[in-house]
Protein backbone atom coordinates (compact mmCIF):
# COMPACT_ATOMS: atom_id res chain seq x y z
CA UNK A 1 -9.85 -228.10 34.63
CA UNK A 2 -9.31 -224.83 33.72
CA UNK A 3 -10.44 -221.87 35.36
CA UNK A 4 -13.31 -219.51 33.25
CA UNK A 5 -12.44 -215.69 33.25
CA UNK A 6 -14.83 -213.22 32.57
CA UNK A 7 -13.82 -210.80 29.82
CA UNK A 8 -14.43 -207.15 30.26
CA UNK A 9 -14.63 -205.12 27.19
CA UNK A 10 -13.85 -201.28 27.56
CA UNK A 11 -14.99 -199.46 25.18
CA UNK A 12 -14.73 -195.71 24.57
CA UNK A 13 -16.92 -192.73 24.49
CA UNK A 14 -16.21 -192.52 20.63
CA UNK A 15 -17.13 -196.40 20.38
CA UNK A 16 -20.43 -195.73 21.78
CA UNK A 17 -21.48 -192.97 19.97
CA UNK A 18 -20.61 -194.90 16.52
CA UNK A 19 -22.57 -197.72 18.03
CA UNK A 20 -25.15 -195.66 18.36
CA UNK A 21 -25.45 -193.63 14.72
CA UNK A 22 -24.33 -197.01 12.92
CA UNK A 23 -27.97 -197.67 11.52
CA UNK A 24 -28.16 -193.89 10.72
CA UNK A 25 -28.19 -193.25 7.27
CA UNK A 26 -27.02 -189.33 7.05
CA UNK A 27 -23.51 -188.16 6.20
CA UNK A 28 -21.10 -186.17 8.71
CA UNK A 29 -21.74 -182.69 7.40
CA UNK A 30 -25.70 -182.96 7.60
CA UNK A 31 -25.08 -184.72 10.84
CA UNK A 32 -23.01 -181.45 11.96
CA UNK A 33 -25.81 -179.35 10.79
CA UNK A 34 -28.22 -181.30 12.40
CA UNK A 35 -26.71 -181.04 15.93
CA UNK A 36 -25.95 -177.10 15.46
CA UNK A 37 -29.48 -176.46 14.70
CA UNK A 38 -30.74 -178.08 17.87
CA UNK A 39 -27.85 -176.69 19.91
CA UNK A 40 -29.11 -173.17 18.55
CA UNK A 41 -32.62 -173.78 19.35
CA UNK A 42 -31.41 -174.51 22.54
CA UNK A 43 -29.71 -171.55 23.31
CA UNK A 44 -32.08 -169.10 21.62
CA UNK A 45 -34.89 -170.93 23.96
CA UNK A 46 -32.92 -170.31 27.11
C-alpha cells in the first residue's frame, strides 16, 4: 500500500500578482499609468 503525500505548491509573489490580474483587460502601459496616478493621489493627500 502506498502512502499519500501532500503536495505543497509554493508560488512566488509574481505568480500571485499574475493570478490577481489575469481577468483584467488592460495593457501594461495603462496599468502602470493607473498605478502611478493612485500613488500620486496618495502622496499628495498625505
